[in-house]
Amino acid sequence: MSSIIDHPEHDERRHGAHGLPPIGVWWPMLERTLQLEVLENLNAPLRWFVVRRIYELCELDAGPIPRLGVRLGENERAYIAGWSHAVDWS
């Protein structure tokens, strides 16, 4: 017997956005300056440099990285919100 937790059609990145690797893998390794840049506006599109760095950290080939439109999903924003409360940024 199997159960489905979430249907693939509910994945917001499947609808036109470039999928990112799991945030739990790359966020802790992302350089602090890039983390702070992302934290400035979690709803803003990520710069292509940040997306490329994420793929480098995960040792994945990103292929052609779109210049615009790569955004964090709802679950990724929630992960970062939880992380920022748990980490001392001083």
N, C-alpha and C. Protein backbone atom coordinates (compact mmCIF):
# COMPACT_ATOMS: atom_id res chain seq x y z
N MET A 1 0.84 -1.17 0.00
CA MET A 1 0.00 0.00 0.00
C MET A 1 0.88 1.23 0.00
N SER A 2 0.49 2.22 -0.77
CA SER A 2 1.25 3.46 -0.79
C SER A 2 0.30 4.63 -0.60
N SER A 3 0.88 5.71 -0.15
CA SER A 3 0.07 6.92 0.02
C SER A 3 0.79 8.08 -0.65
N ILE A 4 0.02 9.00 -1.13
CA ILE A 4 0.57 10.17 -1.79
C ILE A 4 0.41 11.36 -0.86
N ILE A 5 1.51 11.98 -0.51
CA ILE A 5 1.46 13.13 0.37
C ILE A 5 1.05 14.37 -0.40
N ASP A 6 1.62 14.55 -1.56
CA ASP A 6 1.30 15.72 -2.37
C ASP A 6 1.37 15.31 -3.83
N HIS A 7 0.46 15.79 -4.60
CA HIS A 7 0.43 15.48 -6.01
C HIS A 7 1.44 16.34 -6.75
N PRO A 8 2.14 15.80 -7.76
CA PRO A 8 3.12 16.58 -8.50
C PRO A 8 2.53 17.84 -9.14
N GLU A 9 1.26 17.80 -9.50
CA GLU A 9 0.68 18.98 -10.13
C GLU A 9 0.55 20.15 -9.17
N HIS A 10 0.75 19.89 -7.87
CA HIS A 10 0.69 20.98 -6.89
C HIS A 10 2.05 21.62 -6.66
N ASP A 11 3.06 21.09 -7.26
CA ASP A 11 4.40 21.65 -7.10
C ASP A 11 4.46 22.95 -7.89
N GLU A 12 4.60 24.08 -7.17
CA GLU A 12 4.54 25.38 -7.83
C GLU A 12 5.69 25.61 -8.80
N ARG A 13 6.82 24.91 -8.65
CA ARG A 13 7.94 25.11 -9.56
C ARG A 13 7.72 24.42 -10.89
N ARG A 14 6.77 23.51 -10.98
CA ARG A 14 6.51 22.82 -12.23
C ARG A 14 5.83 23.74 -13.24
N HIS A 15 5.36 24.86 -12.81
CA HIS A 15 4.58 25.75 -13.67
C HIS A 15 5.42 26.93 -14.14
N GLY A 16 6.42 26.68 -14.96
CA GLY A 16 7.18 27.73 -15.61
C GLY A 16 8.45 28.16 -14.92
N ALA A 17 8.62 27.88 -13.65
CA ALA A 17 9.83 28.32 -12.96
C ALA A 17 10.90 27.23 -13.04
N HIS A 18 12.14 27.62 -12.94
CA HIS A 18 13.27 26.71 -12.97
C HIS A 18 13.39 26.06 -11.60
N GLY A 19 13.30 24.74 -11.53
CA GLY A 19 13.35 24.04 -10.25
C GLY A 19 14.73 24.13 -9.61
N LEU A 20 14.74 24.30 -8.32
CA LEU A 20 15.98 24.33 -7.55
C LEU A 20 16.13 23.02 -6.80
N PRO A 21 17.37 22.65 -6.46
CA PRO A 21 17.57 21.47 -5.62
C PRO A 21 16.90 21.71 -4.25
N PRO A 22 16.76 20.67 -3.44
CA PRO A 22 16.15 20.85 -2.12
C PRO A 22 16.90 21.88 -1.28
N ILE A 23 16.15 22.79 -0.72
CA ILE A 23 16.76 23.92 0.01
C ILE A 23 17.56 23.47 1.23
N GLY A 24 17.17 22.37 1.84
CA GLY A 24 17.92 21.88 3.00
C GLY A 24 19.34 21.48 2.67
N VAL A 25 19.61 21.25 1.40
CA VAL A 25 20.96 20.88 0.96
C VAL A 25 21.80 22.14 0.76
N TRP A 26 21.27 23.12 0.02
CA TRP A 26 22.12 24.25 -0.38
C TRP A 26 22.07 25.45 0.56
N TRP A 27 20.98 25.71 1.25
CA TRP A 27 20.89 26.92 2.08
C TRP A 27 21.96 26.97 3.16
N PRO A 28 22.20 25.88 3.93
CA PRO A 28 23.24 25.94 4.96
C PRO A 28 24.65 26.17 4.39
N MET A 29 24.89 25.79 3.14
CA MET A 29 26.21 25.96 2.53
C MET A 29 26.36 27.29 1.79
N LEU A 30 25.26 27.96 1.50
CA LEU A 30 25.30 29.20 0.74
C LEU A 30 26.03 30.27 1.55
N GLU A 31 26.89 31.02 0.89
CA GLU A 31 27.67 32.04 1.56
C GLU A 31 26.75 33.04 2.25
N ARG A 32 27.20 33.54 3.40
CA ARG A 32 26.41 34.45 4.22
C ARG A 32 25.96 35.68 3.43
N THR A 33 26.83 36.24 2.60
CA THR A 33 26.45 37.42 1.82
C THR A 33 25.30 37.11 0.88
N LEU A 34 25.31 35.93 0.28
CA LEU A 34 24.22 35.54 -0.61
C LEU A 34 22.95 35.22 0.18
N GLN A 35 23.11 34.63 1.37
CA GLN A 35 21.94 34.40 2.22
C GLN A 35 21.28 35.73 2.58
N LEU A 36 22.08 36.71 2.96
CA LEU A 36 21.54 38.02 3.33
C LEU A 36 20.84 38.68 2.14
N GLU A 37 21.40 38.51 0.95
CA GLU A 37 20.76 39.05 -0.25
C GLU A 37 19.39 38.43 -0.47
N VAL A 38 19.30 37.12 -0.32
CA VAL A 38 18.02 36.43 -0.48
C VAL A 38 17.03 36.88 0.60
N LEU A 39 17.53 37.04 1.82
CA LEU A 39 16.67 37.44 2.93
C LEU A 39 16.09 38.84 2.77
N GLU A 40 16.76 39.69 2.00
CA GLU A 40 16.26 41.06 1.79
C GLU A 40 14.85 41.06 1.21
N ASN A 41 14.57 40.13 0.31
CA ASN A 41 13.23 40.01 -0.27
C ASN A 41 13.04 38.58 -0.75
N LEU A 42 12.38 37.79 0.09
CA LEU A 42 12.20 36.37 -0.23
C LEU A 42 11.29 36.14 -1.42
N ASN A 43 10.51 37.14 -1.80
CA ASN A 43 9.59 37.00 -2.93
C ASN A 43 10.20 37.45 -4.26
N ALA A 44 11.36 38.09 -4.20
CA ALA A 44 12.01 38.59 -5.41
C ALA A 44 12.65 37.44 -6.19
N PRO A 45 12.76 37.60 -7.50
CA PRO A 45 13.49 36.58 -8.28
C PRO A 45 14.96 36.54 -7.85
N LEU A 46 15.53 35.35 -7.85
CA LEU A 46 16.94 35.20 -7.52
C LEU A 46 17.80 35.63 -8.70
N ARG A 47 18.92 36.28 -8.39
CA ARG A 47 19.85 36.61 -9.46
C ARG A 47 20.40 35.32 -10.05
N TRP A 48 20.72 35.34 -11.34
CA TRP A 48 21.23 34.14 -12.00
C TRP A 48 22.50 33.64 -11.32
N PHE A 49 23.30 34.57 -10.78
CA PHE A 49 24.53 34.18 -10.10
C PHE A 49 24.21 33.32 -8.87
N VAL A 50 23.17 33.68 -8.13
CA VAL A 50 22.77 32.92 -6.94
C VAL A 50 22.30 31.53 -7.35
N VAL A 51 21.50 31.45 -8.40
CA VAL A 51 21.01 30.15 -8.88
C VAL A 51 22.19 29.28 -9.31
N ARG A 52 23.13 29.86 -10.03
CA ARG A 52 24.30 29.10 -10.47
C ARG A 52 25.09 28.60 -9.26
N ARG A 53 25.23 29.44 -8.24
CA ARG A 53 25.97 29.05 -7.03
C ARG A 53 25.26 27.90 -6.31
N ILE A 54 23.94 27.94 -6.28
CA ILE A 54 23.17 26.87 -5.65
C ILE A 54 23.47 25.54 -6.33
N TYR A 55 23.47 25.55 -7.65
CA TYR A 55 23.76 24.31 -8.39
C TYR A 55 25.21 23.87 -8.19
N GLU A 56 26.14 24.81 -8.08
CA GLU A 56 27.53 24.45 -7.82
C GLU A 56 27.66 23.78 -6.45
N LEU A 57 26.99 24.33 -5.45
CA LEU A 57 27.06 23.77 -4.11
C LEU A 57 26.51 22.35 -4.06
N CYS A 58 25.51 22.08 -4.87
CA CYS A 58 24.88 20.75 -4.93
C CYS A 58 25.57 19.83 -5.92
N GLU A 59 26.63 20.34 -6.56
CA GLU A 59 27.38 19.59 -7.57
C GLU A 59 26.47 19.06 -8.67
N LEU A 60 25.59 19.94 -9.15
CA LEU A 60 24.67 19.61 -10.23
C LEU A 60 24.93 20.50 -11.42
N ASP A 61 24.61 20.00 -12.59
CA ASP A 61 24.71 20.79 -13.80
C ASP A 61 23.37 21.48 -14.01
N ALA A 62 23.37 22.80 -13.93
CA ALA A 62 22.14 23.56 -14.05
C ALA A 62 21.70 23.72 -15.50
N GLY A 63 22.62 23.45 -16.42
CA GLY A 63 22.30 23.70 -17.82
C GLY A 63 22.18 25.20 -18.02
N PRO A 64 21.45 25.63 -19.01
CA PRO A 64 21.28 27.07 -19.19
C PRO A 64 20.39 27.64 -18.07
N ILE A 65 20.94 28.55 -17.33
CA ILE A 65 20.22 29.16 -16.21
C ILE A 65 19.43 30.36 -16.71
N PRO A 66 18.13 30.38 -16.45
CA PRO A 66 17.35 31.54 -16.88
C PRO A 66 17.80 32.79 -16.16
N ARG A 67 17.80 33.91 -16.88
CA ARG A 67 18.24 35.18 -16.29
C ARG A 67 17.18 35.80 -15.40
N LEU A 68 15.93 35.46 -15.62
CA LEU A 68 14.84 36.04 -14.84
C LEU A 68 13.85 34.96 -14.41
N GLY A 69 13.14 35.23 -13.35
CA GLY A 69 12.01 34.41 -12.99
C GLY A 69 12.24 33.26 -12.04
N VAL A 70 13.48 33.01 -11.58
CA VAL A 70 13.70 31.92 -10.63
C VAL A 70 13.37 32.47 -9.25
N ARG A 71 12.33 31.90 -8.66
CA ARG A 71 11.87 32.37 -7.35
C ARG A 71 11.81 31.20 -6.38
N LEU A 72 11.89 31.54 -5.11
CA LEU A 72 11.72 30.54 -4.07
C LEU A 72 10.24 30.19 -3.96
N GLY A 73 9.96 28.93 -3.72
CA GLY A 73 8.60 28.49 -3.51
C GLY A 73 8.16 28.74 -2.07
N GLU A 74 6.92 28.47 -1.82
CA GLU A 74 6.35 28.68 -0.49
C GLU A 74 7.09 27.88 0.59
N ASN A 75 7.38 26.62 0.29
CA ASN A 75 8.09 25.77 1.25
C ASN A 75 9.51 26.26 1.48
N GLU A 76 10.16 26.75 0.45
CA GLU A 76 11.52 27.27 0.59
C GLU A 76 11.54 28.54 1.43
N ARG A 77 10.57 29.41 1.22
CA ARG A 77 10.47 30.63 2.04
C ARG A 77 10.21 30.28 3.50
N ALA A 78 9.38 29.27 3.75
CA ALA A 78 9.10 28.84 5.12
C ALA A 78 10.36 28.26 5.77
N TYR A 79 11.13 27.49 5.00
CA TYR A 79 12.37 26.92 5.51
C TYR A 79 13.32 28.04 5.94
N ILE A 80 13.47 29.05 5.09
CA ILE A 80 14.38 30.15 5.39
C ILE A 80 13.89 30.94 6.59
N ALA A 81 12.58 31.13 6.71
CA ALA A 81 12.03 31.85 7.87
C ALA A 81 12.38 31.11 9.16
N GLY A 82 12.22 29.79 9.14
CA GLY A 82 12.58 29.00 10.32
C GLY A 82 14.06 29.04 10.61
N TRP A 83 14.86 28.97 9.55
CA TRP A 83 16.32 29.02 9.70
C TRP A 83 16.76 30.35 10.30
N SER A 84 16.20 31.45 9.81
CA SER A 84 16.64 32.77 10.27
C SER A 84 16.30 33.00 11.74
N HIS A 85 15.26 32.33 12.24
CA HIS A 85 14.93 32.45 13.66
C HIS A 85 15.86 31.60 14.52
N ALA A 86 16.41 30.55 13.94
CA ALA A 86 17.27 29.64 14.70
C ALA A 86 18.74 30.05 14.70
N VAL A 87 19.12 30.95 13.80
CA VAL A 87 20.53 31.32 13.64
C VAL A 87 20.76 32.73 14.19
N ASP A 88 21.87 32.89 14.88
CA ASP A 88 22.26 34.21 15.39
C ASP A 88 22.97 34.95 14.26
N TRP A 89 22.35 36.02 13.72
CA TRP A 89 22.92 36.75 12.59
C TRP A 89 23.89 37.84 13.01
N SER A 90 24.15 37.98 14.29
CA SER A 90 25.06 39.07 14.71
C SER A 90 26.51 38.74 14.51
